[in-house]
Amino acid sequence: MAEKPAILIIDDEAGHADVLAEALSQSGGETIAVYDAKNAVELLSTKHIDIVITDLNLGDDKINGIDILKTAKEQNPNSDVILITAYATIDTCKEAMREGAFDYLVKPIDIDQLRAMTERALKKFLTAHGAAGRSDGFKFDGVIGKSGEMRSVLAVLERVAPTNITVLIEGESGTGKELLAQAIHENSLRRNNAFKPINCAGFTESLLESELFGHSRGAFTGATETRKGLFEVADKGTLFLDEIGDMPLAMQAKLLRVLEDGIIVPVGSNKSTVVNVRVISATNHDLDKLVEQGKFRQDLYFRIKGVSVTVPPLRDRAEDIAQLADYFLTQATDELGTPKKTISDNALNILKTYDWPGNIRQLKNCIRSMVVMSDSEKLDVKDIPAEIYQVRQLAGQVKGGVSLGDLEKQAIIDTLAKTQNNREKAAKLLGIGERTLYRKIKEYNIQ
């Protein structure tokens, strides 16, 4: 079923806005009345709005209906804006249409005419969205995974991305937590504003405070100029706090206060600044245990854990390795300017059976190393770094080098061990049919 469209009505006279909202309440959309230009801009940056009906004159010296039109289009290019004006000059109408206005109405407003205009906008909305949902779709560029574990993670993130709820991403180092945070931002209503990541484990307490909240000139030795912190730089955008489990307790208290009241005070300053930032956090620690040990504030834990997901390690999603390897292979050849390469089935099977303690980051580096070190168009077992697969040890057991049969046998043994002798799962990981696996087990006399 198509999603219910949101209709924003803006008029600095509350009575007028309420009358219009009531008149359109049966239109099939969710009507929202706002009486202040600044509040309207704020709402447009935090909520997905499909249709905007705004007065040209909003009683604000800095923001008028054209500004609202531009803001609405920046936040949602597919939105439709209807302008209401008492002075429908040709120049005003031309400017409105040039900026992408859907239509305009001249005061005094004919309610039936407004309803008809809104119905046309709604019909356009429903045609564009239909039963499939938003026409702009949900994109996770660079996030690869068809395994059940990853599909579950992405399903949760798809639901929370358009909201302002805080998100906690848990998982081992190298599993792609920052990439997921970036994807949440890109699919949110804040996507046109800044996404700022920071690794909380990479700073001392004083430096971390300065990085997050900024500092004034002379606040400490070396502070030769006033500098904005990431909270201020990411205003109306997203701040990604990586490795938040390593944040010192004193900083945790300061962060909690900012998350609760949205006010920052730069180091060495008495001036407070209001910020509107969505926070996404990540950690490779078990925060529950850190809370029990008194190393992480429980109140902050609950504050950042609006919704949490755990990214599975690569060893638990081996069926994604082939797709990831192909993606990193294309990425590496493009970056290095080398001819396109492929990877052999034998090499791929070995990569599938490796435990990948460094997860996706390690796989990416492995593929890049193989591309750099190989002169062949097809990457093979011999190109796999020694720490990933000890080819030399196996080669030493086979006179004259290593045979494809020995490599295949070893890959099957490793995969069966990895899957605890689950032959159905092993066949899937190896990319062969179960009958073929049974035949090879018998052929190689694997016990």
Foldseek 3Di string as FASTA:
>chain_A
DEDAAEEEEEALPQVVQVVLQVLCVPVRHHYDYDNAQVVLLVCLLAAQHAEYEYEQCRPDPVDGPLNSLLSNCLLPVNHAYEYEYQDPDPVVQVSCVVSPHQYYYHPPDDSVVVSVSVNVSVVVQCVCAPPPYDNVDQDLVPDFAPDPQVVVVVVVLLVPLQHLAFEEEEEAAQLCPVSSVLSSQCRYSLVSADEEEDEQQPDDQVVVLCQAAWAADPLDPPRNHTDGHPQVRQFSGEYEYEAPLNHAPVVLVVVLVCLVQQWGAHRPGPDIDHGDYRYYYYHHDDVVVCVVVVRHPPSSVVRNPRDYGYRYFCLVRLLRQQVLLQVLQVVLCVVVVHDRAEEDLLLSLLVSLFNPSNGSVVSSVQSNQLVVPDPDRYRYNVSGDCVSPVLVVQQVVDPPGHDPLVSVVVSLVSLCVSVVNPLCVSCSSSVHDSVVSVVSCVVVVPD
